[in-house]
Amino acid sequence: MPGGEHSVQEGGSERQGVRWPIVILLLAAICYNAVLAIINAHVMSLSVTQVALCELVVLSGAGLVVARQRLTPRDAAWLTFLIGTFFGTIFLSLSNGGLLVEALRNVAIVALFTALGIRSNITTMRTTFLIAVFVVGLVMIFEIAAVSQYSSLFKPFNYYQNTRGLGEVDYGDVGLFGNALGFEGRFSFGLFTTPRTSSIFLEQTSLANFASVIAIYLVTTWRTLARGEKILIGSFVLLALMSNNTRMASVFASITMLGYFLYPRLPRYGTLILPLLLLSLAVGLSSWMGPSKEDDLAGRIGLSVRLLSMTDFPASLGLRVADASAFPDSGYSYLIYSCSLVGAVAIWLYVALAIPFRSPEQRRCAWSVSLFLFLNLLVAGNAVFSMKIAAPLWLLAGFMRSPDFFPSTPWRRSPAIRPRSGTLTLKPAT
């Protein structure tokens, strides 16, 4: 187009309009636990059934949005992944003598939000992540300023006790999720005297992981964001990391910032061998630091290495799926037990290869997503597959495959959410 501009008639095309069903689905994936917690605290006691139903509603909504548009070659990866997992779930269920859908549920979140990302545009992505950051940040500030009122509103411990089967533990009647209180000697930046923040997620691990996802979004879309967005989103990540006192997410966010310059120069095959490199490094560090049962680097990595080394042949075949819940702090073991070695390899290949690798933005996203997933699997179980984290992560990853993705184009600003006229114009930065 003349002058290097991309113009879209508002009335004649939806190419640059906000696709609100996608925005609503992502916000629902992030916020449903908070809504259920309020109901559990003030209306009626809930159980894991209501949690599962909410996730099913969100996934069904995502499926309906995807089904409204015809499939294209861009959908081949996630669709193959989902169909293969479906048949794998049938095999695992028959082999274990019961219906086992956890692996299918995990993959469905990844696949369907990838599909939604493919159907997004830059305006939708900016709107979605800006609203998400605003909501999570607002609740986080409320929590910091008035932790007692926050606890009274959501009653996080009671909610997770009812819906996740947590045991009876005395936390001094604070009412927060247990790990948010930390313990003596645990790492802290020392900037806040309040418990570790959890925000709308009600438990601290998800806030740390969400901050990591937002860091990925920031470095991936940096050249499309307005200055105000950069300041707001960057400030959110910093406040979340500092108030959450998270070690892993803080290290990851620092690496991600450096990755803005480094990742475009790294090869594609690096994302494929990354888990092998991380596991080799973990084995070496574990041997060097020695055994530890503390909540430190030696203890967390050592536990993952030890449990992974104990994986037996039946587990590799997917014959011990029921034991997957025994690995809350060892993601690699969790993957093998929950979906067999074949399923774990399929997830590995999807994470490493699903994001295109042509533009600098895509390379930054591919490397950041791979490092986030494979690094977290060393110290956590299924946390990276929770809907509140996997949904925004794979929405962004899917957008890298979108026909509306503008690779390597330094826009001064993307279109306003509500255009003033019938013509929407994007002007490259000078």
Protein backbone atom coordinates (compact mmCIF):
# COMPACT_ATOMS: atom_id res chain seq x y z
CA MET A 1 0.00 0.00 0.00
CA PRO A 2 1.16 3.59 -0.58
CA GLY A 3 3.52 4.93 2.04
CA GLY A 4 3.97 1.52 3.60
CA GLU A 5 0.62 1.81 5.38
CA HIS A 6 -1.87 -0.96 6.09
CA SER A 7 -5.44 0.31 5.94
CA VAL A 8 -8.53 -1.65 6.82
CA GLN A 9 -12.08 -0.48 6.43
CA GLU A 10 -13.84 -0.92 9.78
CA GLY A 11 -17.15 -1.80 8.19
CA GLY A 12 -15.72 -4.04 5.50
CA SER A 13 -13.29 -6.22 7.44
CA GLU A 14 -12.70 -7.52 10.94
CA ARG A 15 -8.98 -7.88 10.32
CA GLN A 16 -7.97 -5.21 12.82
CA GLY A 17 -11.05 -5.12 15.06
CA VAL A 18 -10.96 -6.50 18.58
CA ARG A 19 -12.20 -10.09 18.57
CA TRP A 20 -14.04 -9.94 21.86
CA PRO A 21 -14.89 -13.65 22.22
CA ILE A 22 -11.14 -14.35 22.40
CA VAL A 23 -10.65 -11.59 24.97
CA ILE A 24 -13.51 -12.90 27.11
CA LEU A 25 -12.29 -16.50 26.96
CA LEU A 26 -8.78 -15.55 28.05
CA LEU A 27 -10.10 -13.44 30.93
CA ALA A 28 -12.40 -16.29 31.97
CA ALA A 29 -9.43 -18.68 32.00
CA ILE A 30 -7.54 -16.30 34.28
CA CYS A 31 -10.37 -15.23 36.59
CA TYR A 32 -12.62 -18.25 37.09
CA ASN A 33 -10.86 -19.44 40.26
CA ALA A 34 -11.36 -16.05 41.91
CA VAL A 35 -15.07 -16.06 41.07
CA LEU A 36 -15.46 -19.60 42.40
CA ALA A 37 -13.54 -18.66 45.55
CA ILE A 38 -15.96 -15.81 46.29
CA ILE A 39 -18.89 -18.18 45.81
CA ASN A 40 -17.21 -20.77 48.03
CA ALA A 41 -16.53 -18.15 50.72
CA HIS A 42 -19.90 -16.40 50.79
CA VAL A 43 -22.56 -18.48 49.04
CA MET A 44 -21.97 -22.24 49.15
CA SER A 45 -19.17 -24.76 49.50
CA LEU A 46 -17.76 -25.95 46.21
CA SER A 47 -15.75 -28.97 45.14
CA VAL A 48 -13.43 -29.95 42.32
CA THR A 49 -16.54 -30.70 40.22
CA GLN A 50 -17.37 -27.01 39.81
CA VAL A 51 -13.74 -26.26 38.91
CA ALA A 52 -13.78 -28.94 36.23
CA LEU A 53 -17.09 -27.68 34.86
CA CYS A 54 -15.75 -24.13 34.58
CA GLU A 55 -12.72 -25.35 32.67
CA LEU A 56 -14.97 -27.40 30.41
CA VAL A 57 -17.12 -24.33 29.70
CA VAL A 58 -14.04 -22.27 28.77
CA LEU A 59 -12.64 -25.02 26.55
CA SER A 60 -16.04 -25.55 24.92
CA GLY A 61 -16.28 -21.83 24.23
CA ALA A 62 -12.81 -21.89 22.68
CA GLY A 63 -13.84 -24.85 20.54
CA LEU A 64 -16.94 -23.02 19.32
CA VAL A 65 -14.94 -19.91 18.38
CA VAL A 66 -12.46 -22.06 16.48
CA ALA A 67 -15.23 -24.06 14.77
CA ARG A 68 -16.81 -20.87 13.40
CA GLN A 69 -13.86 -20.42 11.04
CA ARG A 70 -12.59 -22.88 8.51
CA LEU A 71 -9.39 -24.74 9.19
CA THR A 72 -6.24 -23.78 7.30
CA PRO A 73 -2.75 -25.29 7.02
CA ARG A 74 -1.78 -23.08 9.96
CA ASP A 75 -3.97 -25.31 12.14
CA ALA A 76 -2.21 -28.55 11.26
CA ALA A 77 0.14 -28.60 14.27
CA TRP A 78 -2.36 -28.06 17.09
CA LEU A 79 -5.03 -30.20 15.43
CA THR A 80 -2.65 -33.13 14.94
CA PHE A 81 -1.46 -32.72 18.53
CA LEU A 82 -5.01 -32.74 19.88
CA ILE A 83 -6.25 -35.67 17.79
CA GLY A 84 -3.16 -37.73 18.62
CA THR A 85 -3.65 -37.05 22.34
CA PHE A 86 -7.32 -38.03 22.09
CA PHE A 87 -6.43 -41.47 20.76
CA GLY A 88 -3.59 -41.69 23.26
CA THR A 89 -6.09 -40.99 26.05
CA ILE A 90 -8.27 -43.87 24.87
CA PHE A 91 -5.24 -46.17 24.97
CA LEU A 92 -4.20 -44.97 28.44
CA SER A 93 -7.73 -45.32 29.80
CA LEU A 94 -8.05 -48.88 28.49
CA SER A 95 -4.57 -49.79 29.75
CA ASN A 96 -5.25 -48.44 33.24
CA GLY A 97 -8.80 -49.71 33.54
CA GLY A 98 -10.51 -46.33 33.98
CA LEU A 99 -11.26 -43.02 32.31
CA LEU A 100 -8.12 -40.85 32.54
CA VAL A 101 -8.41 -37.45 30.90
CA GLU A 102 -5.79 -35.29 32.63
CA ALA A 103 -3.35 -35.47 29.72
CA LEU A 104 -6.15 -34.70 27.26
CA ARG A 105 -7.25 -31.76 29.38
CA ASN A 106 -3.68 -30.36 29.45
CA VAL A 107 -3.23 -30.72 25.71
CA ALA A 108 -6.72 -29.34 24.97
CA ILE A 109 -5.82 -26.09 26.77
CA VAL A 110 -2.55 -25.81 24.84
CA ALA A 111 -4.10 -26.72 21.47
CA LEU A 112 -7.31 -24.67 21.64
CA PHE A 113 -5.63 -21.51 22.88
CA THR A 114 -3.01 -21.94 20.17
CA ALA A 115 -5.94 -22.04 17.73
CA LEU A 116 -7.42 -18.88 19.26
CA GLY A 117 -4.05 -17.17 18.90
CA ILE A 118 -3.96 -18.07 15.21
CA ARG A 119 -7.36 -16.36 14.90
CA SER A 120 -6.23 -13.22 16.74
CA ASN A 121 -4.77 -9.98 15.49
CA ILE A 122 -2.45 -7.47 17.11
CA THR A 123 -5.34 -5.32 18.34
CA THR A 124 -6.95 -8.30 20.04
CA MET A 125 -3.66 -9.35 21.63
CA ARG A 126 -2.93 -5.89 22.96
CA THR A 127 -6.45 -5.51 24.32
CA THR A 128 -6.45 -8.96 25.92
CA PHE A 129 -3.10 -8.68 27.65
CA LEU A 130 -3.64 -5.09 28.71
CA ILE A 131 -6.95 -5.95 30.41
CA ALA A 132 -5.46 -9.08 31.96
CA VAL A 133 -2.48 -7.17 33.38
CA PHE A 134 -4.80 -4.44 34.69
CA VAL A 135 -7.12 -6.91 36.46
CA VAL A 136 -4.32 -9.01 37.97
CA GLY A 137 -2.37 -5.90 38.94
CA LEU A 138 -5.39 -4.24 40.56
CA VAL A 139 -6.16 -7.29 42.71
CA MET A 140 -2.47 -7.59 43.59
CA ILE A 141 -2.34 -3.99 44.82
CA PHE A 142 -5.53 -4.58 46.82
CA GLU A 143 -3.88 -7.65 48.37
CA ILE A 144 -0.73 -5.72 49.31
CA ALA A 145 -2.67 -2.78 50.74
CA ALA A 146 -5.34 -4.76 52.61
CA VAL A 147 -4.36 -8.40 52.99
CA SER A 148 -7.01 -9.07 55.67
CA GLN A 149 -9.80 -7.79 53.43
CA TYR A 150 -8.35 -9.76 50.51
CA SER A 151 -8.36 -12.92 52.61
CA SER A 152 -11.90 -12.29 53.82
CA LEU A 153 -13.16 -11.75 50.28
CA PHE A 154 -11.61 -14.83 48.67
CA LYS A 155 -10.70 -17.12 51.62
CA PRO A 156 -8.03 -18.78 49.46
CA PHE A 157 -7.06 -21.57 51.85
CA ASN A 158 -10.65 -22.64 52.34
CA TYR A 159 -11.24 -22.61 48.59
CA TYR A 160 -8.22 -24.76 47.75
CA GLN A 161 -8.98 -27.05 50.66
CA ASN A 162 -12.48 -27.69 49.33
CA THR A 163 -11.64 -27.93 45.63
CA ARG A 164 -8.13 -29.45 45.65
CA GLY A 165 -8.32 -31.68 48.70
CA LEU A 166 -5.67 -29.93 50.81
CA GLY A 167 -5.32 -31.29 54.34
CA GLU A 168 -6.05 -29.50 57.61
CA VAL A 169 -3.19 -27.09 58.37
CA ASP A 170 -3.06 -24.27 60.90
CA TYR A 171 -1.95 -21.04 59.28
CA GLY A 172 -2.70 -18.73 62.17
CA ASP A 173 -6.22 -18.00 60.89
CA VAL A 174 -4.82 -15.79 58.14
CA GLY A 175 -6.85 -17.68 55.56
CA LEU A 176 -4.30 -17.45 52.74
CA PHE A 177 -3.00 -20.32 50.66
CA GLY A 178 -0.31 -21.95 52.77
CA ASN A 179 2.79 -21.33 50.65
CA ALA A 180 1.98 -17.64 50.39
CA LEU A 181 3.15 -17.24 53.98
CA GLY A 182 6.60 -18.62 53.23
CA PHE A 183 8.85 -19.78 56.05
CA GLU A 184 11.86 -18.62 58.02
CA GLY A 185 14.99 -18.42 55.93
CA ARG A 186 13.18 -18.49 52.59
CA PHE A 187 14.46 -16.17 49.85
CA SER A 188 12.97 -12.66 49.93
CA PHE A 189 13.74 -9.36 48.27
CA GLY A 190 12.86 -7.75 51.61
CA LEU A 191 10.77 -4.98 50.07
CA PHE A 192 7.39 -6.07 51.45
CA THR A 193 6.42 -7.21 54.92
CA THR A 194 3.16 -8.74 53.67
CA PRO A 195 2.83 -12.43 52.66
CA ARG A 196 3.88 -13.42 49.16
CA THR A 197 1.31 -12.03 46.75
CA SER A 198 -1.10 -14.28 44.86
CA SER A 199 -3.50 -11.72 43.33
CA ILE A 200 -6.50 -13.11 41.47
CA PHE A 201 -4.90 -16.57 41.28
CA LEU A 202 -5.16 -16.99 45.09
CA GLU A 203 -1.87 -18.92 45.27
CA GLN A 204 1.59 -17.55 44.74
CA THR A 205 3.00 -19.96 42.15
CA SER A 206 0.52 -18.91 39.47
CA LEU A 207 1.24 -15.21 39.96
CA ALA A 208 4.96 -15.88 39.53
CA ASN A 209 4.31 -17.89 36.37
CA PHE A 210 1.88 -15.28 35.05
CA ALA A 211 4.53 -12.60 35.51
CA SER A 212 6.88 -14.81 33.47
CA VAL A 213 4.29 -15.13 30.69
CA ILE A 214 3.82 -11.35 30.65
CA ALA A 215 7.60 -10.95 30.39
CA ILE A 216 7.50 -13.20 27.32
CA TYR A 217 4.65 -11.11 25.87
CA LEU A 218 6.59 -7.92 26.53
CA VAL A 219 9.78 -8.95 24.71
CA THR A 220 7.83 -10.61 21.87
CA THR A 221 5.54 -7.66 21.08
CA TRP A 222 7.85 -4.85 22.25
CA ARG A 223 7.97 -3.11 18.86
CA THR A 224 4.17 -3.04 18.56
CA LEU A 225 3.45 -1.54 21.99
CA ALA A 226 2.92 2.12 22.82
CA ARG A 227 5.20 3.70 25.41
CA GLY A 228 2.46 3.77 28.03
CA GLU A 229 1.81 0.05 27.56
CA LYS A 230 5.49 -0.76 27.95
CA ILE A 231 5.68 1.22 31.19
CA LEU A 232 2.46 -0.27 32.62
CA ILE A 233 3.26 -3.87 31.71
CA GLY A 234 6.92 -3.61 32.71
CA SER A 235 5.92 -2.08 36.07
CA PHE A 236 3.45 -4.89 36.64
CA VAL A 237 6.09 -7.56 36.04
CA LEU A 238 8.52 -5.84 38.39
CA LEU A 239 5.94 -5.38 41.18
CA ALA A 240 4.69 -8.96 40.82
CA LEU A 241 8.21 -10.39 41.05
CA MET A 242 9.20 -8.22 44.01
CA SER A 243 6.01 -8.75 46.03
CA ASN A 244 5.86 -12.46 45.22
CA ASN A 245 9.49 -12.99 46.25
CA THR A 246 9.89 -15.54 43.50
CA ARG A 247 13.34 -16.85 42.68
CA MET A 248 12.69 -18.83 39.52
CA ALA A 249 10.46 -16.24 37.83
CA SER A 250 12.89 -13.44 38.67
CA VAL A 251 15.77 -15.33 37.09
CA PHE A 252 13.63 -16.24 34.09
CA ALA A 253 12.44 -12.64 33.59
CA SER A 254 16.05 -11.42 33.67
CA ILE A 255 17.08 -14.03 31.09
CA THR A 256 14.07 -13.09 28.95
CA MET A 257 15.06 -9.42 28.92
CA LEU A 258 18.55 -10.39 27.74
CA GLY A 259 16.94 -12.80 25.29
CA TYR A 260 15.42 -9.86 23.43
CA PHE A 261 18.87 -9.34 21.94
CA LEU A 262 20.16 -12.92 22.09
CA TYR A 263 17.28 -15.13 20.95
CA PRO A 264 17.08 -13.86 17.33
CA ARG A 265 20.68 -15.03 16.90
CA LEU A 266 20.17 -18.56 18.21
CA PRO A 267 19.37 -21.56 15.96
CA ARG A 268 16.05 -23.38 15.76
CA TYR A 269 17.47 -26.74 16.83
CA GLY A 270 18.41 -25.15 20.16
CA THR A 271 14.79 -25.20 21.32
CA LEU A 272 14.65 -28.89 20.46
CA ILE A 273 17.68 -29.90 22.51
CA LEU A 274 16.96 -27.44 25.35
CA PRO A 275 15.31 -29.98 27.71
CA LEU A 276 18.24 -32.35 27.21
CA LEU A 277 20.68 -29.57 28.05
CA LEU A 278 18.69 -28.53 31.12
CA LEU A 279 18.41 -32.10 32.38
CA SER A 280 22.14 -32.65 31.86
CA LEU A 281 22.87 -29.42 33.72
CA ALA A 282 20.50 -30.49 36.51
CA VAL A 283 22.26 -33.84 36.89
CA GLY A 284 25.65 -32.13 37.03
CA LEU A 285 24.50 -29.52 39.55
CA SER A 286 22.79 -32.14 41.68
CA SER A 287 25.99 -34.21 41.85
CA TRP A 288 28.12 -31.15 42.57
CA MET A 289 25.88 -29.64 45.28
CA GLY A 290 25.05 -32.96 46.93
CA PRO A 291 21.75 -34.16 48.41
CA SER A 292 19.40 -31.67 50.04
CA LYS A 293 15.85 -31.77 51.35
CA GLU A 294 15.57 -28.01 51.67
CA ASP A 295 13.51 -25.69 49.47
CA ASP A 296 16.60 -24.48 47.64
CA LEU A 297 18.23 -25.05 44.26
CA ALA A 298 19.93 -28.25 45.38
CA GLY A 299 16.78 -29.62 46.94
CA ARG A 300 14.40 -28.79 44.07
CA ILE A 301 16.67 -29.94 41.26
CA GLY A 302 17.91 -32.94 43.22
CA LEU A 303 14.33 -34.09 43.80
CA SER A 304 13.49 -33.89 40.09
CA VAL A 305 16.62 -35.78 39.08
CA ARG A 306 16.07 -38.46 41.70
CA LEU A 307 12.41 -39.03 40.83
CA LEU A 308 13.12 -39.08 37.10
CA SER A 309 15.83 -41.71 37.61
CA MET A 310 13.29 -43.88 39.44
CA THR A 311 10.86 -43.97 36.51
CA ASP A 312 10.18 -47.58 35.65
CA PHE A 313 9.23 -49.31 32.41
CA PRO A 314 5.47 -49.60 33.14
CA ALA A 315 5.34 -45.86 33.84
CA SER A 316 7.10 -45.15 30.53
CA LEU A 317 4.40 -47.15 28.76
CA GLY A 318 1.66 -45.17 30.48
CA LEU A 319 0.53 -47.97 32.78
CA ARG A 320 0.79 -45.92 35.99
CA VAL A 321 -1.18 -42.79 35.10
CA ALA A 322 -2.87 -42.73 38.50
CA ASP A 323 0.53 -42.09 40.11
CA ALA A 324 1.09 -38.81 38.21
CA SER A 325 -0.35 -36.77 41.09
CA ALA A 326 2.59 -37.93 43.24
CA PHE A 327 4.94 -35.55 41.39
CA PRO A 328 3.90 -31.99 42.33
CA ASP A 329 7.52 -30.79 42.19
CA SER A 330 8.90 -32.84 39.32
CA GLY A 331 7.44 -31.91 35.97
CA TYR A 332 9.38 -34.34 33.82
CA SER A 333 8.24 -37.28 35.94
CA TYR A 334 4.71 -35.90 35.92
CA LEU A 335 4.72 -35.79 32.11
CA ILE A 336 5.92 -39.36 31.70
CA TYR A 337 3.53 -40.79 34.28
CA SER A 338 0.50 -38.80 33.09
CA CYS A 339 0.81 -39.42 29.36
CA SER A 340 3.56 -42.06 28.84
CA LEU A 341 6.99 -41.50 27.32
CA VAL A 342 5.42 -41.21 23.84
CA GLY A 343 3.05 -38.48 25.05
CA ALA A 344 5.88 -36.65 26.80
CA VAL A 345 7.92 -36.67 23.59
CA ALA A 346 4.91 -35.33 21.67
CA ILE A 347 4.61 -32.42 24.11
CA TRP A 348 8.36 -31.82 23.86
CA LEU A 349 8.19 -31.62 20.05
CA TYR A 350 5.12 -29.39 20.08
CA VAL A 351 6.63 -26.91 22.54
CA ALA A 352 9.93 -26.80 20.66
CA LEU A 353 8.62 -26.66 17.09
CA ALA A 354 5.06 -25.28 17.01
CA ILE A 355 6.07 -21.60 16.97
CA PRO A 356 7.42 -20.39 13.58
CA PHE A 357 11.05 -19.34 13.52
CA ARG A 358 11.28 -16.78 10.71
CA SER A 359 11.15 -13.30 12.25
CA PRO A 360 13.00 -11.97 15.31
CA GLU A 361 9.65 -11.75 17.15
CA GLN A 362 8.89 -15.38 16.46
CA ARG A 363 12.38 -16.44 17.52
CA ARG A 364 12.08 -14.52 20.78
CA CYS A 365 8.72 -16.12 21.46
CA ALA A 366 9.87 -19.64 20.53
CA TRP A 367 12.92 -19.51 22.74
CA SER A 368 11.13 -17.83 25.66
CA VAL A 369 8.23 -20.29 25.64
CA SER A 370 10.57 -23.29 25.41
CA LEU A 371 12.79 -22.06 28.23
CA PHE A 372 9.78 -21.23 30.40
CA LEU A 373 8.21 -24.68 29.98
CA PHE A 374 11.32 -26.83 30.15
CA LEU A 375 12.88 -24.88 33.03
CA ASN A 376 9.69 -24.98 35.09
CA LEU A 377 9.38 -28.72 34.60
CA LEU A 378 12.60 -29.08 36.61
CA VAL A 379 11.09 -27.58 39.75
CA ALA A 380 7.32 -27.95 39.41
CA GLY A 381 4.77 -30.54 38.31
CA ASN A 382 1.72 -29.53 36.31
CA ALA A 383 1.75 -25.81 37.16
CA VAL A 384 2.61 -24.79 33.59
CA PHE A 385 -0.46 -26.68 32.34
CA SER A 386 -2.94 -24.88 34.58
CA MET A 387 -5.47 -22.99 32.49
CA LYS A 388 -4.67 -19.62 34.07
CA ILE A 389 -1.05 -19.90 32.86
CA ALA A 390 -1.25 -22.09 29.74
CA ALA A 391 -4.09 -20.05 28.22
CA PRO A 392 -2.25 -16.69 27.88
CA LEU A 393 1.03 -18.42 27.06
CA TRP A 394 -0.36 -20.42 24.14
CA LEU A 395 -2.62 -17.62 22.96
CA LEU A 396 0.56 -15.62 22.41
CA ALA A 397 2.34 -18.61 20.85
CA GLY A 398 -0.58 -19.19 18.49
CA PHE A 399 -0.54 -15.55 17.46
CA MET A 400 2.95 -16.13 16.07
CA ARG A 401 1.20 -18.36 13.48
CA SER A 402 -1.56 -15.84 12.76
CA PRO A 403 -2.01 -14.42 9.24
CA ASP A 404 -2.49 -11.06 10.99
CA PHE A 405 0.92 -11.22 12.66
CA PHE A 406 3.20 -8.46 11.35
CA PRO A 407 6.75 -9.81 11.70
CA SER A 408 9.62 -7.37 12.08
CA THR A 409 7.50 -4.29 11.47
CA PRO A 410 8.31 -1.50 13.98
CA TRP A 411 4.88 0.12 14.28
CA ARG A 412 4.75 3.45 16.03
CA ARG A 413 1.40 2.45 17.44
CA SER A 414 -1.20 -0.17 16.62
CA PRO A 415 -4.80 0.82 15.90
CA ALA A 416 -6.94 2.18 18.69
CA ILE A 417 -9.44 -0.21 20.23
CA ARG A 418 -12.26 2.10 19.19
CA PRO A 419 -11.32 3.81 15.90
CA ARG A 420 -12.49 7.38 15.45
CA SER A 421 -13.37 6.86 11.80
CA GLY A 422 -14.24 4.10 9.41
CA THR A 423 -10.63 3.65 8.32
CA LEU A 424 -7.99 2.02 10.44
CA THR A 425 -4.41 3.00 9.58
CA LEU A 426 -1.12 1.61 10.83
CA LYS A 427 1.97 3.69 10.23
CA PRO A 428 5.47 2.26 10.47
CA ALA A 429 7.77 4.06 12.89
CA THR A 430 10.32 6.36 11.39
